[in-house]
N, C-alpha and C. Protein backbone atom coordinates (compact mmCIF):
# COMPACT_ATOMS: atom_id res chain seq x y z
N MET A 1 0.47 -1.43 0.22
CA MET A 1 0.00 0.10 0.17
C MET A 1 0.54 1.30 0.39
N THR A 2 1.60 0.84 0.92
CA THR A 2 2.80 2.36 0.94
C THR A 2 3.44 1.96 0.18
N ALA A 3 3.98 1.79 -0.95
CA ALA A 3 5.40 1.48 -1.76
C ALA A 3 5.13 2.80 -2.52
N GLY A 4 4.05 2.94 -3.35
CA GLY A 4 4.33 4.51 -3.96
C GLY A 4 5.06 5.17 -3.63
N GLU A 5 4.74 5.47 -2.15
CA GLU A 5 5.24 7.01 -1.10
C GLU A 5 6.44 6.88 -0.66
N THR A 6 7.16 5.13 -1.30
CA THR A 6 9.02 5.13 -0.27
C THR A 6 9.87 5.86 -1.38
N GLN A 7 10.97 5.82 -1.46
CA GLN A 7 12.18 6.31 -2.35
C GLN A 7 12.78 5.34 -2.57
N HIS A 8 13.26 4.34 -1.67
CA HIS A 8 13.55 3.19 -2.61
C HIS A 8 12.58 1.78 -2.52
N GLN A 9 11.56 2.24 -3.39
CA GLN A 9 11.00 1.06 -3.30
C GLN A 9 11.33 -0.99 -3.26
N LYS A 10 12.07 -0.96 -4.31
CA LYS A 10 12.58 -2.54 -4.29
C LYS A 10 13.41 -2.94 -2.49
N GLU A 11 14.18 -2.29 -2.31
CA GLU A 11 14.65 -3.02 -0.94
C GLU A 11 13.45 -2.89 0.03
N ASP A 12 12.90 -1.90 0.03
CA ASP A 12 12.01 -1.43 1.34
C ASP A 12 10.71 -2.52 1.24
N ILE A 13 10.30 -2.88 -0.09
CA ILE A 13 8.99 -3.75 -0.04
C ILE A 13 10.00 -5.56 0.40
N LYS A 14 11.38 -5.91 -0.01
CA LYS A 14 11.70 -6.91 0.51
C LYS A 14 11.97 -6.78 1.87
N LYS A 15 12.00 -5.45 2.74
CA LYS A 15 12.15 -5.84 4.17
C LYS A 15 10.79 -5.88 4.56
N ALA A 16 10.05 -5.39 4.03
CA ALA A 16 8.33 -5.77 4.69
C ALA A 16 8.02 -7.03 4.03
N SER A 17 8.39 -7.24 3.42
CA SER A 17 7.87 -8.64 3.50
C SER A 17 8.75 -9.77 4.21
N ARG A 18 9.94 -9.64 4.15
CA ARG A 18 11.16 -10.73 5.24
C ARG A 18 10.19 -10.12 6.45
N LYS A 19 9.64 -9.09 6.91
CA LYS A 19 9.08 -8.87 8.41
C LYS A 19 7.88 -9.57 8.65
N THR A 20 7.07 -9.64 7.49
CA THR A 20 5.61 -10.05 7.64
C THR A 20 5.90 -11.48 8.02
N VAL A 21 6.77 -12.23 7.19
CA VAL A 21 7.34 -13.22 7.15
C VAL A 21 7.15 -13.99 8.56
N THR A 22 8.04 -13.11 9.29
CA THR A 22 8.80 -12.98 10.43
C THR A 22 8.13 -13.18 11.83
N ARG A 23 6.89 -12.39 11.53
CA ARG A 23 5.88 -11.92 12.50
C ARG A 23 4.86 -12.90 12.33
N ILE A 24 4.55 -13.52 11.11
CA ILE A 24 3.66 -14.38 11.25
C ILE A 24 3.96 -16.07 11.84
N LEU A 25 5.44 -16.28 11.44
CA LEU A 25 6.34 -17.55 12.45
C LEU A 25 6.20 -16.99 13.63
N ILE A 26 6.85 -16.37 13.89
CA ILE A 26 7.03 -15.39 15.63
C ILE A 26 5.73 -15.92 16.24
N LEU A 27 4.27 -14.73 16.15
CA LEU A 27 3.41 -14.64 17.30
C LEU A 27 2.57 -15.96 16.57
N TYR A 28 1.92 -16.27 15.60
CA TYR A 28 1.07 -17.32 15.83
C TYR A 28 1.96 -18.78 15.67
N LEU A 29 2.79 -19.12 14.91
CA LEU A 29 2.97 -19.98 15.09
C LEU A 29 4.20 -20.62 16.42
N VAL A 30 4.63 -20.05 17.31
CA VAL A 30 5.17 -20.23 18.33
C VAL A 30 4.00 -19.62 19.42
N GLY A 31 3.13 -18.54 19.25
CA GLY A 31 2.27 -18.61 19.98
C GLY A 31 1.00 -19.79 20.41
N VAL A 32 1.01 -20.65 19.21
CA VAL A 32 0.52 -21.65 19.17
C VAL A 32 0.87 -22.92 19.74
N PHE A 33 2.24 -22.73 19.57
CA PHE A 33 2.89 -24.08 20.06
C PHE A 33 2.77 -24.02 21.76
N PHE A 34 3.42 -23.00 22.56
CA PHE A 34 3.38 -22.68 24.06
C PHE A 34 1.91 -22.72 24.06
N ILE A 35 0.62 -22.23 23.63
CA ILE A 35 -0.50 -22.58 24.06
C ILE A 35 -0.80 -23.79 24.34
N THR A 36 -0.23 -24.71 22.70
CA THR A 36 -0.69 -26.47 23.06
C THR A 36 -0.38 -26.61 24.33
N LEU A 37 1.29 -26.27 24.83
CA LEU A 37 1.64 -26.98 25.77
C LEU A 37 1.14 -26.83 27.18
N VAL A 38 0.66 -25.53 27.32
CA VAL A 38 -0.53 -25.32 28.30
C VAL A 38 -1.61 -25.70 28.36
N THR A 39 -2.48 -25.54 27.42
CA THR A 39 -3.92 -25.77 27.37
C THR A 39 -4.00 -27.35 26.79
N PRO A 40 -4.58 -28.11 27.92
CA PRO A 40 -4.83 -29.58 27.72
C PRO A 40 -5.91 -29.77 26.84
N TYR A 41 -6.11 -30.67 26.12
CA TYR A 41 -7.00 -30.88 25.04
C TYR A 41 -8.44 -31.50 25.65
N ASP A 42 -8.69 -31.90 27.13
CA ASP A 42 -9.52 -32.26 27.02
C ASP A 42 -10.42 -31.43 28.19
N GLN A 43 -9.69 -29.91 28.60
CA GLN A 43 -10.63 -29.02 29.47
C GLN A 43 -11.30 -28.60 28.91
N ASP A 44 -12.33 -28.39 29.51
CA ASP A 44 -13.89 -28.53 29.92
C ASP A 44 -14.36 -27.82 29.02
N THR A 45 -13.75 -26.02 29.38
CA THR A 45 -14.62 -25.05 28.35
C THR A 45 -14.02 -25.53 26.98
N LEU A 46 -13.25 -26.22 26.58
CA LEU A 46 -12.86 -26.38 25.12
C LEU A 46 -13.59 -27.82 24.80
N LEU A 47 -14.31 -28.63 25.53
CA LEU A 47 -15.05 -29.81 25.33
C LEU A 47 -16.48 -29.21 25.23
N ARG A 48 -16.83 -28.28 26.26
CA ARG A 48 -18.40 -27.93 25.75
C ARG A 48 -18.49 -26.88 24.33
N LEU A 49 -17.22 -26.23 23.66
CA LEU A 49 -17.17 -25.39 22.59
C LEU A 49 -17.54 -26.46 21.68
N ASN A 50 -16.71 -27.72 21.30
CA ASN A 50 -17.12 -28.37 20.59
C ASN A 50 -18.02 -29.63 20.91
N GLN A 51 -19.13 -29.28 21.96
CA GLN A 51 -20.26 -29.81 21.73
C GLN A 51 -21.44 -28.46 21.42
N GLY A 52 -20.91 -27.70 20.95
CA GLY A 52 -22.15 -26.53 20.36
C GLY A 52 -22.43 -25.98 21.96
N VAL A 53 -21.83 -25.99 22.89
CA VAL A 53 -22.45 -24.91 24.10
C VAL A 53 -21.90 -23.17 23.51
N ASN A 54 -23.37 -22.56 23.55
CA ASN A 54 -22.54 -20.80 23.13
C ASN A 54 -22.07 -20.40 24.32
N GLY A 55 -21.40 -19.72 24.52
CA GLY A 55 -20.68 -18.80 25.53
C GLY A 55 -20.61 -17.23 24.89
N ARG A 56 -20.43 -16.69 25.91
CA ARG A 56 -20.16 -14.80 25.39
C ARG A 56 -18.82 -14.72 25.97
N GLY A 57 -17.90 -14.14 25.29
CA GLY A 57 -16.40 -13.49 25.47
C GLY A 57 -15.25 -14.78 25.36
N GLY A 58 -14.23 -14.88 25.87
CA GLY A 58 -12.99 -14.99 25.38
C GLY A 58 -12.99 -16.65 26.02
N SER A 59 -14.14 -16.97 26.90
CA SER A 59 -13.90 -18.17 28.07
C SER A 59 -13.08 -19.84 27.60
N HIS A 60 -13.79 -19.60 26.05
CA HIS A 60 -13.33 -21.00 25.19
C HIS A 60 -12.03 -20.33 24.68
N SER A 61 -11.12 -19.86 24.37
CA SER A 61 -10.48 -19.25 23.71
C SER A 61 -9.31 -20.29 24.54
N PRO A 62 -8.54 -20.80 24.02
CA PRO A 62 -6.94 -22.14 24.23
C PRO A 62 -5.76 -20.51 25.10
N PHE A 63 -6.20 -19.49 24.27
CA PHE A 63 -5.29 -18.47 24.83
C PHE A 63 -5.65 -17.82 26.12
N ILE A 64 -6.94 -17.56 26.21
CA ILE A 64 -7.55 -17.03 27.68
C ILE A 64 -7.77 -18.18 28.89
N ILE A 65 -7.47 -19.39 28.18
CA ILE A 65 -7.53 -20.81 29.58
C ILE A 65 -6.04 -21.31 29.98
N ALA A 66 -5.61 -20.40 29.07
CA ALA A 66 -3.75 -20.61 29.43
C ALA A 66 -3.26 -19.31 30.40
N ILE A 67 -3.63 -18.29 29.95
CA ILE A 67 -3.45 -17.11 31.26
C ILE A 67 -3.89 -17.61 32.54
N VAL A 68 -5.53 -17.87 32.46
CA VAL A 68 -6.11 -18.61 33.47
C VAL A 68 -5.24 -19.57 34.52
N LYS A 69 -4.99 -20.19 33.81
CA LYS A 69 -4.01 -21.41 34.11
C LYS A 69 -2.65 -20.89 34.64
N ALA A 70 -2.07 -20.26 34.01
CA ALA A 70 -0.88 -19.71 34.45
C ALA A 70 -0.73 -19.17 36.15
N ASP A 71 -1.90 -18.45 36.46
CA ASP A 71 -1.96 -17.56 37.69
C ASP A 71 -0.96 -16.60 38.14
N ILE A 72 -0.34 -15.90 37.17
CA ILE A 72 0.20 -14.82 37.30
C ILE A 72 -0.48 -13.46 37.65
N PRO A 73 -0.25 -12.54 38.89
CA PRO A 73 -0.76 -11.87 38.61
C PRO A 73 -0.54 -10.45 37.41
N GLY A 74 -1.56 -9.90 37.02
CA GLY A 74 -1.35 -9.03 36.14
C GLY A 74 -1.44 -9.37 34.74
N LEU A 75 -1.00 -11.06 34.73
CA LEU A 75 -0.95 -11.45 33.07
C LEU A 75 -2.60 -11.24 32.34
N ALA A 76 -3.28 -11.18 33.21
CA ALA A 76 -4.97 -11.15 32.19
C ALA A 76 -4.55 -9.62 31.73
N HIS A 77 -4.38 -8.92 32.56
CA HIS A 77 -4.53 -7.54 32.16
C HIS A 77 -3.53 -7.00 31.10
N PHE A 78 -2.33 -7.82 31.44
CA PHE A 78 -1.22 -7.32 30.22
C PHE A 78 -1.69 -8.02 28.64
N ALA A 79 -2.85 -9.55 28.78
CA ALA A 79 -2.86 -9.68 27.46
C ALA A 79 -4.20 -9.20 27.37
N ASN A 80 -5.11 -8.68 27.92
CA ASN A 80 -6.23 -7.59 27.56
C ASN A 80 -5.81 -6.08 27.03
N MET A 81 -4.59 -5.60 27.54
CA MET A 81 -4.07 -4.28 27.05
C MET A 81 -3.20 -4.84 25.40
N LEU A 82 -2.57 -6.21 25.70
CA LEU A 82 -1.85 -6.73 24.12
C LEU A 82 -2.92 -7.05 23.17
N PHE A 83 -4.53 -7.22 23.42
CA PHE A 83 -5.11 -7.26 21.98
C PHE A 83 -5.76 -6.59 22.01
N THR A 84 -5.82 -5.19 23.08
CA THR A 84 -6.76 -3.73 22.48
C THR A 84 -5.25 -2.74 21.54
N PHE A 85 -4.36 -3.32 22.11
CA PHE A 85 -3.01 -2.50 20.97
C PHE A 85 -3.24 -3.35 19.67
N THR A 86 -2.86 -4.46 19.66
CA THR A 86 -3.27 -5.17 18.17
C THR A 86 -4.52 -4.80 17.76
N ALA A 87 -5.62 -4.67 18.19
CA ALA A 87 -7.30 -4.21 17.48
C ALA A 87 -6.48 -3.00 16.65
N TRP A 88 -6.39 -1.32 17.36
CA TRP A 88 -6.09 -0.82 17.31
C TRP A 88 -5.02 -0.27 16.29
N SER A 89 -3.86 -1.53 16.69
CA SER A 89 -2.93 -1.22 15.39
C SER A 89 -3.87 -1.31 13.91
N ALA A 90 -4.58 -2.48 13.96
CA ALA A 90 -4.90 -2.89 12.80
C ALA A 90 -6.16 -1.93 12.40
N GLY A 91 -6.51 -1.38 13.12
CA GLY A 91 -7.58 -0.18 12.88
C GLY A 91 -6.85 1.00 12.05
N THR A 92 -6.01 0.83 12.61
CA THR A 92 -5.38 2.29 12.52
C THR A 92 -4.61 2.08 10.89
N ALA A 93 -4.63 1.27 11.04
CA ALA A 93 -3.66 0.71 9.54
C ALA A 93 -4.59 0.34 8.42
N PHE A 94 -5.33 -0.33 8.76
CA PHE A 94 -6.56 -0.14 7.37
C PHE A 94 -7.49 1.29 7.56
N LEU A 95 -7.13 2.61 8.73
CA LEU A 95 -7.75 3.27 7.95
C LEU A 95 -6.84 4.46 7.41
N TYR A 96 -5.41 4.09 7.51
CA TYR A 96 -4.10 4.38 6.81
C TYR A 96 -4.46 4.15 4.93
N ALA A 97 -4.78 2.49 5.05
CA ALA A 97 -5.07 2.63 4.06
C ALA A 97 -6.32 2.62 3.03
N SER A 98 -6.92 2.93 3.51
CA SER A 98 -8.36 2.85 2.72
C SER A 98 -8.78 5.02 2.87
N SER A 99 -7.99 5.37 3.32
CA SER A 99 -7.97 6.70 3.25
C SER A 99 -7.36 7.49 2.14
N ARG A 100 -6.21 6.43 1.88
CA ARG A 100 -4.84 7.01 0.82
C ARG A 100 -5.88 6.22 -0.21
N THR A 101 -6.44 5.37 -0.31
CA THR A 101 -6.90 4.92 -1.36
C THR A 101 -8.12 5.32 -1.90
N LEU A 102 -9.06 6.14 -1.35
CA LEU A 102 -10.11 7.52 -1.51
C LEU A 102 -9.53 8.35 -1.96
N HIS A 103 -8.24 8.71 -1.51
CA HIS A 103 -7.59 9.99 -2.03
C HIS A 103 -7.08 9.80 -3.06
N SER A 104 -6.28 8.71 -3.46
CA SER A 104 -5.90 8.42 -4.89
C SER A 104 -6.62 8.73 -5.67
N LEU A 105 -8.22 7.89 -5.26
CA LEU A 105 -9.76 7.43 -6.23
C LEU A 105 -9.46 9.04 -6.66
N ALA A 106 -9.91 10.09 -5.66
CA ALA A 106 -10.47 11.30 -5.93
C ALA A 106 -9.28 12.12 -6.87
N MET A 107 -7.85 11.41 -7.01
CA MET A 107 -6.68 12.46 -7.79
C MET A 107 -7.08 11.89 -9.04
N GLU A 108 -7.27 10.89 -9.17
CA GLU A 108 -7.87 10.36 -10.80
C GLU A 108 -9.31 10.42 -11.26
N ASP A 109 -9.86 11.83 -10.53
CA ASP A 109 -11.55 11.83 -10.70
C ASP A 109 -12.34 10.49 -11.04
N ARG A 110 -11.82 9.67 -10.10
CA ARG A 110 -12.88 8.03 -9.96
C ARG A 110 -13.98 8.72 -9.09
N VAL A 111 -13.97 9.20 -8.34
CA VAL A 111 -14.86 9.72 -7.25
C VAL A 111 -16.10 10.69 -7.10
N TRP A 112 -17.50 10.32 -7.19
CA TRP A 112 -18.55 10.71 -7.65
C TRP A 112 -19.18 11.18 -6.19
N PRO A 113 -20.16 12.30 -6.30
CA PRO A 113 -20.15 13.66 -7.05
C PRO A 113 -18.97 14.76 -7.29
N GLN A 114 -18.88 14.91 -8.16
CA GLN A 114 -17.32 15.74 -8.37
C GLN A 114 -17.42 16.80 -7.11
N PRO A 115 -17.95 17.66 -6.54
CA PRO A 115 -18.05 18.27 -5.23
C PRO A 115 -16.77 17.61 -4.20
N LEU A 116 -17.69 16.18 -3.99
CA LEU A 116 -16.82 15.61 -2.99
C LEU A 116 -15.37 14.97 -3.34
N ALA A 117 -15.39 14.96 -4.67
CA ALA A 117 -14.03 14.52 -5.24
C ALA A 117 -13.45 15.89 -4.98
N ASN A 118 -13.61 16.77 -5.09
CA ASN A 118 -12.47 18.45 -5.14
C ASN A 118 -12.01 18.11 -3.57
N LYS A 119 -13.21 18.04 -2.74
CA LYS A 119 -12.96 18.47 -1.08
C LYS A 119 -12.27 16.94 -0.83
N LEU A 120 -11.75 15.77 -1.33
CA LEU A 120 -11.09 14.48 -0.90
C LEU A 120 -9.17 14.77 -2.01
N LYS A 121 -9.46 15.51 -2.81
CA LYS A 121 -8.23 15.89 -3.46
C LYS A 121 -7.12 16.77 -2.47
N ARG A 122 -7.98 17.56 -1.33
CA ARG A 122 -6.96 18.33 -0.78
C ARG A 122 -6.16 17.70 0.71
N VAL A 123 -5.02 17.85 0.60
CA VAL A 123 -4.07 17.61 1.98
C VAL A 123 -3.81 18.56 2.68
N ASN A 124 -3.31 18.26 3.70
CA ASN A 124 -3.26 19.68 4.69
C ASN A 124 -1.41 20.03 4.18
N ARG A 125 -0.86 20.36 5.23
CA ARG A 125 0.52 21.48 4.83
C ARG A 125 1.34 20.14 5.37
N PHE A 126 0.94 18.86 6.00
CA PHE A 126 2.05 17.60 5.98
C PHE A 126 1.63 16.49 4.85
N GLY A 127 0.56 16.93 4.30
CA GLY A 127 0.64 15.75 3.09
C GLY A 127 -0.28 14.67 3.57
N VAL A 128 -1.24 14.97 4.44
CA VAL A 128 -2.26 14.02 4.57
C VAL A 128 -3.81 14.25 4.41
N PRO A 129 -4.86 13.42 3.86
CA PRO A 129 -5.43 13.53 3.45
C PRO A 129 -6.83 14.00 3.94
N GLN A 130 -7.26 14.78 5.15
CA GLN A 130 -7.81 14.96 6.25
C GLN A 130 -9.16 14.45 6.03
N ASN A 131 -10.00 14.99 4.94
CA ASN A 131 -11.27 14.87 4.43
C ASN A 131 -11.42 13.23 3.90
N ALA A 132 -10.54 12.58 3.36
CA ALA A 132 -10.46 11.36 3.43
C ALA A 132 -10.66 9.87 4.91
N ILE A 133 -9.80 11.18 5.58
CA ILE A 133 -10.12 10.07 6.95
C ILE A 133 -11.03 10.28 7.64
N ILE A 134 -11.63 11.33 7.35
CA ILE A 134 -12.99 11.78 8.22
C ILE A 134 -13.91 10.85 7.48
N ILE A 135 -14.08 10.65 6.68
CA ILE A 135 -14.99 9.80 5.38
C ILE A 135 -14.54 8.30 5.75
N CYS A 136 -13.24 8.06 5.68
CA CYS A 136 -13.19 6.62 5.81
C CYS A 136 -13.58 5.88 7.97
N SER A 137 -13.27 7.11 8.23
CA SER A 137 -13.69 6.92 10.01
C SER A 137 -15.04 6.79 9.86
N LEU A 138 -15.73 7.42 9.58
CA LEU A 138 -17.08 7.89 9.47
C LEU A 138 -17.89 6.24 9.10
N VAL A 139 -17.53 6.04 7.87
CA VAL A 139 -17.24 4.59 7.86
C VAL A 139 -17.37 3.47 8.66
N GLY A 140 -15.96 3.66 9.40
CA GLY A 140 -15.87 2.67 10.34
C GLY A 140 -16.53 2.71 11.49
N VAL A 141 -17.53 3.46 11.84
CA VAL A 141 -18.01 3.98 12.71
C VAL A 141 -19.54 3.16 12.69
N LEU A 142 -19.92 3.38 11.24
CA LEU A 142 -21.12 2.96 11.30
C LEU A 142 -20.88 1.13 10.95
N GLY A 143 -19.93 0.65 11.13
CA GLY A 143 -19.42 -0.98 10.73
C GLY A 143 -19.61 -0.90 12.54
N PHE A 144 -19.32 -0.17 13.73
CA PHE A 144 -19.36 -0.41 14.79
C PHE A 144 -20.94 -0.93 15.08
N LEU A 145 -21.89 -0.27 14.51
CA LEU A 145 -23.32 -0.23 14.94
C LEU A 145 -23.61 -1.31 14.81
N GLY A 146 -22.90 -2.54 14.15
CA GLY A 146 -23.39 -4.15 14.23
C GLY A 146 -23.44 -4.78 15.20
N THR A 147 -22.13 -4.17 16.48
CA THR A 147 -21.93 -4.88 17.33
C THR A 147 -22.72 -4.25 18.95
N GLY A 148 -24.11 -3.98 17.96
CA GLY A 148 -24.68 -3.18 19.63
C GLY A 148 -25.83 -4.58 19.91
N LYS A 149 -26.79 -4.51 20.80
CA LYS A 149 -28.10 -5.64 21.04
C LYS A 149 -28.09 -6.52 19.59
N GLY A 150 -28.25 -5.80 18.42
CA GLY A 150 -28.99 -6.36 17.62
C GLY A 150 -27.64 -7.22 17.29
N SER A 151 -28.22 -8.52 16.29
CA SER A 151 -26.76 -9.06 15.59
C SER A 151 -26.56 -8.68 14.34
N LYS A 152 -27.20 -7.93 13.99
CA LYS A 152 -26.73 -7.34 12.29
C LYS A 152 -26.95 -5.13 12.50
N PRO A 153 -26.55 -5.04 11.15
CA PRO A 153 -26.60 -3.36 11.60
C PRO A 153 -27.85 -3.14 11.15
N GLN A 154 -28.96 -3.68 10.07
CA GLN A 154 -29.99 -3.46 10.31
C GLN A 154 -30.96 -3.05 11.51
N ASP A 155 -30.95 -4.20 12.53
CA ASP A 155 -31.38 -4.50 13.61
C ASP A 155 -31.06 -2.98 14.47
N VAL A 156 -29.78 -2.43 14.01
CA VAL A 156 -29.20 -1.23 15.35
C VAL A 156 -29.77 0.04 14.43
N LEU A 157 -30.06 0.05 13.21
CA LEU A 157 -30.30 1.20 13.07
C LEU A 157 -31.62 0.82 12.62
N HIS A 158 -32.97 -0.03 12.71
CA HIS A 158 -33.83 -0.23 12.96
C HIS A 158 -34.36 -0.41 11.32
N MET A 159 -33.56 -1.10 10.70
CA MET A 159 -34.08 -0.76 9.17
C MET A 159 -34.73 -2.08 8.74
N HIS A 160 -36.20 -2.62 8.44
CA HIS A 160 -36.32 -3.72 8.01
C HIS A 160 -36.43 -3.65 6.77
N CYS A 161 -36.03 -4.73 5.65
CA CYS A 161 -35.73 -4.47 4.66
C CYS A 161 -36.44 -5.92 3.52
N ARG A 162 -37.07 -5.92 2.71
CA ARG A 162 -37.87 -7.13 2.35
C ARG A 162 -36.98 -7.45 1.03
N ILE A 163 -36.42 -8.48 0.58
CA ILE A 163 -35.72 -8.86 -0.21
C ILE A 163 -36.60 -9.79 -1.44
N SER A 164 -37.21 -9.75 -2.34
CA SER A 164 -37.73 -10.05 -2.77
C SER A 164 -37.56 -10.84 -4.03
N SER A 165 -37.91 -12.44 -3.75
CA SER A 165 -36.93 -13.21 -5.23
C SER A 165 -37.80 -13.39 -6.11
């Protein structure tokens, strides 16, 4: 996504690709390996999940089970902070990517209507497309409406649509 904004594209893309593979190997494979060492396969909450028992929250997660079994003071808070940071980091990365994409589309006159396209072309003195960031943020906020009491966004918005076949 950022290849067009780097000075040394060939080297930077190679570095980013290597780092991505390394992160996947370390975070997921090593993490899953250690979690499988700590969490037994016959753990009660895992068995109930396999039997189709619905539960809210992360009580069925092998990671949460391992944290509880470790009984280390503050570890649950650290894990919560880590999960929150990971979600926030992913959100900001996607906001960056979507706003830059929207700005690029506006620069190529591929956004309708034209007055909106003209506003999306603007950047501040640091080169940040603030209007594109605002629009992408609003779309993200609308996406969070689906996390309310209703299971679907239309339930939260009280929209009742009928699809005719």
